Protein backbone atom coordinates (compact mmCIF):
# COMPACT_ATOMS: atom_id res chain seq x y z
CA MET A 1 -7.88 17.37 6.69
CA SER A 2 -10.45 15.36 4.75
CA THR A 3 -11.76 11.82 5.00
CA VAL A 4 -10.18 9.58 2.37
CA ILE A 5 -11.52 6.19 3.49
CA ALA A 6 -14.82 5.46 5.22
CA LEU A 7 -15.91 1.85 5.61
CA GLU A 8 -19.30 1.36 7.24
CA ASN A 9 -20.09 -2.22 8.26
CA ALA A 10 -18.40 -3.35 5.05
CA SER A 11 -18.34 -7.10 4.46
CA VAL A 12 -16.84 -9.13 1.63
CA ILE A 13 -18.04 -12.69 0.99
CA ARG A 14 -16.28 -14.98 -1.49
CA SER A 15 -17.48 -18.50 -2.34
CA GLY A 16 -19.80 -18.40 0.63
CA LYS A 17 -17.01 -17.46 3.05
CA GLU A 18 -16.90 -14.15 4.88
CA VAL A 19 -13.44 -12.75 4.10
CA LEU A 20 -14.15 -9.40 5.75
CA GLY A 21 -16.87 -9.00 8.34
CA SER A 22 -18.65 -5.72 9.08
CA LEU A 23 -15.58 -3.47 9.02
CA SER A 24 -16.00 0.12 10.14
CA PHE A 25 -12.91 2.23 9.57
CA VAL A 26 -12.15 5.89 8.85
CA ALA A 27 -8.86 7.43 7.70
CA ASP A 28 -8.13 11.05 6.93
CA SER A 29 -5.66 12.70 4.59
CA SER A 30 -3.02 13.36 7.27
CA GLU A 31 -2.78 9.76 8.49
CA ARG A 32 -0.37 6.94 7.62
CA TRP A 33 -1.92 3.57 8.49
CA VAL A 34 -0.34 0.14 8.73
CA VAL A 35 -2.56 -2.96 8.61
CA ILE A 36 -1.19 -6.10 10.24
CA GLY A 37 -2.50 -9.54 11.06
CA PRO A 38 -1.82 -13.23 10.43
CA ASN A 39 -2.14 -14.97 7.07
CA GLY A 40 -5.77 -15.12 5.97
CA ALA A 41 -6.84 -12.22 8.18
CA GLY A 42 -8.21 -10.28 5.19
CA LYS A 43 -5.50 -7.63 4.87
CA THR A 44 -5.12 -7.70 1.09
CA THR A 45 -8.89 -7.93 0.60
CA MET A 46 -9.31 -4.80 2.71
CA LEU A 47 -6.66 -3.02 0.66
CA ARG A 48 -8.35 -4.01 -2.61
CA LEU A 49 -11.62 -2.64 -1.22
CA CYS A 50 -9.89 0.67 -0.43
CA ALA A 51 -8.40 0.65 -3.94
CA ALA A 52 -11.87 0.34 -5.51
CA GLN A 53 -10.77 -2.98 -7.03
CA ILE A 54 -13.74 -4.81 -5.46
CA GLN A 55 -17.12 -3.86 -4.00
CA PRO A 56 -18.39 -4.74 -0.53
CA THR A 57 -20.93 -7.55 -0.43
CA SER A 58 -22.82 -5.53 2.17
CA GLY A 59 -22.31 -2.23 3.94
CA LYS A 60 -20.67 0.84 2.40
CA ALA A 61 -17.19 1.73 1.22
CA THR A 62 -16.61 5.42 0.49
CA ILE A 63 -13.21 6.23 -0.99
CA LEU A 64 -12.17 9.86 -1.60
CA GLU A 65 -15.79 10.82 -0.90
CA GLN A 66 -17.07 8.49 -3.64
CA GLU A 67 -19.23 5.50 -2.71
CA ILE A 68 -18.11 2.32 -4.43
CA GLY A 69 -21.00 0.91 -6.41
CA ALA A 70 -22.47 4.34 -7.09
CA VAL A 71 -19.65 5.93 -9.11
CA ASN A 72 -17.41 5.20 -12.09
CA VAL A 73 -14.64 3.24 -10.39
CA PHE A 74 -12.35 3.63 -13.40
CA GLU A 75 -12.25 7.38 -12.81
CA LEU A 76 -11.88 6.89 -9.05
CA ARG A 77 -8.91 4.55 -9.50
CA THR A 78 -6.95 7.28 -11.29
CA ARG A 79 -6.88 9.15 -7.95
CA ILE A 80 -5.48 6.16 -6.05
CA GLY A 81 -1.92 4.85 -6.13
CA PHE A 82 -1.88 1.07 -5.63
CA ALA A 83 1.42 -0.81 -5.36
CA SER A 84 1.24 -4.59 -5.33
CA SER A 85 3.41 -7.43 -6.56
CA GLY A 86 0.41 -8.76 -8.48
CA LEU A 87 0.26 -5.59 -10.55
CA VAL A 88 3.97 -5.31 -11.25
CA SER A 89 4.02 -8.94 -12.42
CA GLN A 90 1.72 -7.89 -15.28
CA ILE A 91 4.36 -5.53 -16.70
CA PRO A 92 6.16 -7.15 -19.67
CA ASN A 93 9.73 -8.14 -18.85
CA SER A 94 10.92 -6.26 -21.95
CA GLU A 95 9.29 -2.99 -20.86
CA SER A 96 11.74 -0.25 -19.92
CA VAL A 97 11.63 1.06 -16.37
CA LEU A 98 10.71 4.51 -17.69
CA ASP A 99 7.76 3.16 -19.68
CA ALA A 100 6.64 1.01 -16.74
CA VAL A 101 6.24 4.20 -14.72
CA LEU A 102 4.94 6.39 -17.55
CA THR A 103 2.06 4.02 -18.38
CA ALA A 104 0.58 4.66 -14.94
CA SER A 105 -0.64 7.97 -16.41
CA TYR A 106 -3.07 5.95 -18.56
CA GLY A 107 -3.73 3.28 -15.95
CA ILE A 108 -2.32 0.55 -18.20
CA VAL A 109 0.62 -1.86 -18.17
CA GLY A 110 2.63 -2.31 -21.34
CA ARG A 111 3.26 0.70 -23.56
CA TRP A 112 1.46 0.65 -26.91
CA ASN A 113 0.67 3.61 -29.19
CA GLU A 114 -0.21 6.18 -26.54
CA GLU A 115 1.79 9.41 -26.53
CA TYR A 116 3.34 11.22 -23.59
CA GLU A 117 4.36 14.83 -23.22
CA ALA A 118 7.85 15.92 -22.23
CA LEU A 119 6.34 16.98 -18.89
CA ASP A 120 5.26 13.38 -18.23
CA GLU A 121 8.75 12.07 -18.98
CA ARG A 122 10.36 14.66 -16.72
CA ARG A 123 8.03 13.75 -13.88
CA ALA A 124 8.64 10.02 -14.38
CA LYS A 125 12.42 10.56 -14.26
CA ARG A 126 12.08 12.70 -11.12
CA VAL A 127 9.95 10.05 -9.42
CA LEU A 128 12.45 7.34 -10.37
CA ALA A 129 15.26 9.41 -8.86
CA GLU A 130 13.25 9.84 -5.64
CA TRP A 131 13.00 6.06 -5.34
CA ALA A 132 16.72 5.43 -5.96
CA LEU A 133 16.22 4.44 -9.60
CA ALA A 134 18.05 7.25 -11.40
CA GLY A 135 19.94 5.80 -14.35
CA TYR A 136 17.57 2.84 -14.62
CA GLU A 137 15.24 4.45 -17.17
CA GLN A 138 16.15 2.20 -20.10
CA ARG A 139 16.71 -1.00 -18.13
CA PRO A 140 14.22 -3.77 -19.01
CA VAL A 141 12.00 -4.57 -16.04
CA GLY A 142 12.88 -8.25 -16.41
CA THR A 143 16.52 -7.55 -15.53
CA LEU A 144 15.77 -5.89 -12.18
CA SER A 145 16.40 -7.33 -8.74
CA ASP A 146 13.45 -7.89 -6.40
CA GLY A 147 14.28 -4.68 -4.52
CA GLU A 148 14.44 -2.66 -7.72
CA ARG A 149 11.13 -4.12 -8.88
CA LYS A 150 9.51 -3.17 -5.57
CA ARG A 151 10.73 0.40 -5.94
CA VAL A 152 9.46 0.51 -9.54
CA GLN A 153 5.99 -0.51 -8.39
CA ILE A 154 6.01 2.23 -5.74
CA ALA A 155 7.31 4.80 -8.25
CA ARG A 156 4.54 3.78 -10.63
CA ALA A 157 1.96 4.18 -7.84
CA VAL A 158 3.06 7.74 -7.01
CA MET A 159 3.54 8.81 -10.66
CA THR A 160 0.00 10.17 -10.92
CA ASP A 161 0.31 12.24 -7.72
CA PRO A 162 -2.45 10.22 -5.99
CA GLU A 163 -4.69 11.40 -3.19
CA LEU A 164 -4.41 7.99 -1.52
CA LEU A 165 -1.45 5.60 -1.65
CA LEU A 166 -1.99 1.89 -0.88
CA LEU A 167 0.98 -0.46 -0.43
CA ASP A 168 0.59 -4.23 -0.31
CA GLU A 169 3.66 -5.68 1.41
CA PRO A 170 6.13 -3.31 -0.29
CA VAL A 171 9.26 -4.96 1.18
CA ALA A 172 8.18 -8.59 1.37
CA SER A 173 10.84 -11.15 0.35
CA LEU A 174 13.62 -8.56 0.04
CA ASP A 175 17.13 -9.16 1.35
CA PRO A 176 18.11 -7.04 4.39
CA GLY A 177 19.92 -4.37 2.37
CA ALA A 178 17.11 -3.87 -0.17
CA ARG A 179 14.51 -4.00 2.61
CA GLU A 180 16.17 -1.31 4.71
CA GLN A 181 16.78 0.91 1.68
CA THR A 182 13.11 0.73 0.70
CA ILE A 183 11.90 1.24 4.28
CA ARG A 184 14.08 4.34 4.59
CA LEU A 185 12.65 5.73 1.32
CA LEU A 186 9.10 4.98 2.49
CA SER A 187 9.79 6.69 5.80
CA GLY A 188 11.04 9.81 4.04
CA TYR A 189 7.95 9.84 1.85
CA ALA A 190 5.56 9.25 4.75
CA THR A 191 6.96 12.20 6.70
CA SER A 192 6.74 14.58 3.75
CA GLY A 193 4.02 17.19 4.06
CA ALA A 194 3.24 16.71 0.36
CA ALA A 195 2.56 12.96 0.68
CA PRO A 196 -1.00 11.66 0.41
CA ALA A 197 -2.79 9.50 2.95
CA MET A 198 -1.16 6.07 3.08
CA VAL A 199 -2.25 2.56 4.01
CA MET A 200 0.36 -0.20 4.07
CA VAL A 201 -0.21 -3.92 4.60
CA THR A 202 2.56 -6.02 6.14
CA HIS A 203 3.05 -9.28 8.04
CA HIS A 204 6.11 -8.05 9.89
CA LEU A 205 6.25 -5.23 12.41
CA GLU A 206 9.94 -4.70 11.65
CA GLU A 207 8.89 -3.53 8.18
CA ILE A 208 6.81 -0.59 9.43
CA PRO A 209 8.61 2.61 8.36
CA ALA A 210 9.17 5.44 10.80
CA GLY A 211 6.61 8.16 10.16
CA PHE A 212 3.53 5.94 10.14
CA THR A 213 0.96 7.22 12.60
CA HIS A 214 -1.81 4.63 13.04
CA ALA A 215 -2.32 0.87 13.04
CA LEU A 216 -5.18 -1.53 12.42
CA ILE A 217 -4.98 -5.18 13.46
CA LEU A 218 -7.13 -7.69 11.58
CA GLU A 219 -8.01 -11.16 12.82
CA ASP A 220 -10.29 -13.56 10.93
CA GLY A 221 -11.62 -10.74 8.75
CA LYS A 222 -12.56 -8.50 11.67
CA ILE A 223 -10.91 -5.52 13.32
CA MET A 224 -9.30 -6.58 16.57
CA ALA A 225 -7.75 -3.18 17.36
CA LYS A 226 -7.19 0.19 15.71
CA GLY A 227 -5.85 3.60 16.67
CA GLU A 228 -2.62 5.48 17.14
CA LEU A 229 0.42 3.35 16.36
CA GLY A 230 2.03 3.10 19.79
CA ALA A 231 -1.23 2.48 21.63
CA THR A 232 -2.39 -0.19 19.18
CA ILE A 233 0.72 -2.26 18.50
CA THR A 234 1.54 -3.70 21.90
CA SER A 235 2.86 -7.02 23.16
CA ALA A 236 -0.64 -7.97 24.30
CA SER A 237 -2.45 -7.10 21.06
CA VAL A 238 0.18 -8.65 18.78
CA SER A 239 0.31 -11.83 20.89
CA GLU A 240 -3.47 -12.12 20.70
CA ALA A 241 -3.58 -11.51 16.94
CA PHE A 242 -0.83 -13.97 16.08
CA ARG A 243 -1.84 -16.45 18.82
CA TYR A 244 1.63 -16.75 20.25
CA PRO A 245 3.34 -14.97 23.17
CA LEU A 246 5.37 -12.15 21.63
CA ARG A 247 7.25 -9.18 23.03
CA VAL A 248 7.08 -5.92 21.09
CA GLU A 249 9.73 -3.24 21.52
CA TYR A 250 9.78 0.20 19.93
CA GLU A 251 12.93 2.26 19.47
CA SER A 252 13.97 5.09 17.15
CA GLY A 253 10.72 4.87 15.20
CA ARG A 254 10.95 1.12 14.47
CA PHE A 255 9.46 -2.02 15.98
CA ARG A 256 11.17 -5.24 17.02
CA VAL A 257 9.38 -8.48 17.84
CA THR A 258 10.74 -11.47 19.76
CA ALA A 259 9.25 -14.52 21.45
CA ASN A 260 8.16 -13.78 24.98
């Protein structure tokens, strides 16, 4: 095991407002973390910090043993898979699904004059098949359903065989069928011995795939609780974070939340 994320009193301030406040957090290569919390808690900002997309205003953020602010972040980002709806929205609607995944090898969106080897194409097709997208290679991205687009963004994130995979609400806004299909695929990936360390942000506990091992709860930009999944996500902690009495149940590797 190796440390993939180490935040030491890391703060992020934007427009004079503290979005993240003195976060200290460590994750190793064998762990699968879920980050939950209410709107505005700082979840996406934390994920962008872990993705080397932003620097801490104060404190330290060390990702894959490289301190942000002291290394070439463009090289570091090639080792990180980052799936977000913001990124996939930058892909041209006319781009084929195959090219949308292939271009991850160069860290770009929108294929231009770059060339790819047959090995790259074979890997891209294999990754697409793993995410239930076999036969979609030549489909324009603009013709995909929301669920298919979500799976394309995940396939793109894992194309480069990353050492760290970050997922920003990978099943948000999906219909029940597409949501459950994607959660099942994520669960299978999370439990694979070949999978990298993973951090997933979500608003909904029902979206946490089986196979995730740890949880972190954010509230107002600060860590309210963190640790092993079952010990951290409880009725008491979730009720406190979301400021409403909630009952959390756990069965067959999945959570269910109802009003208490």
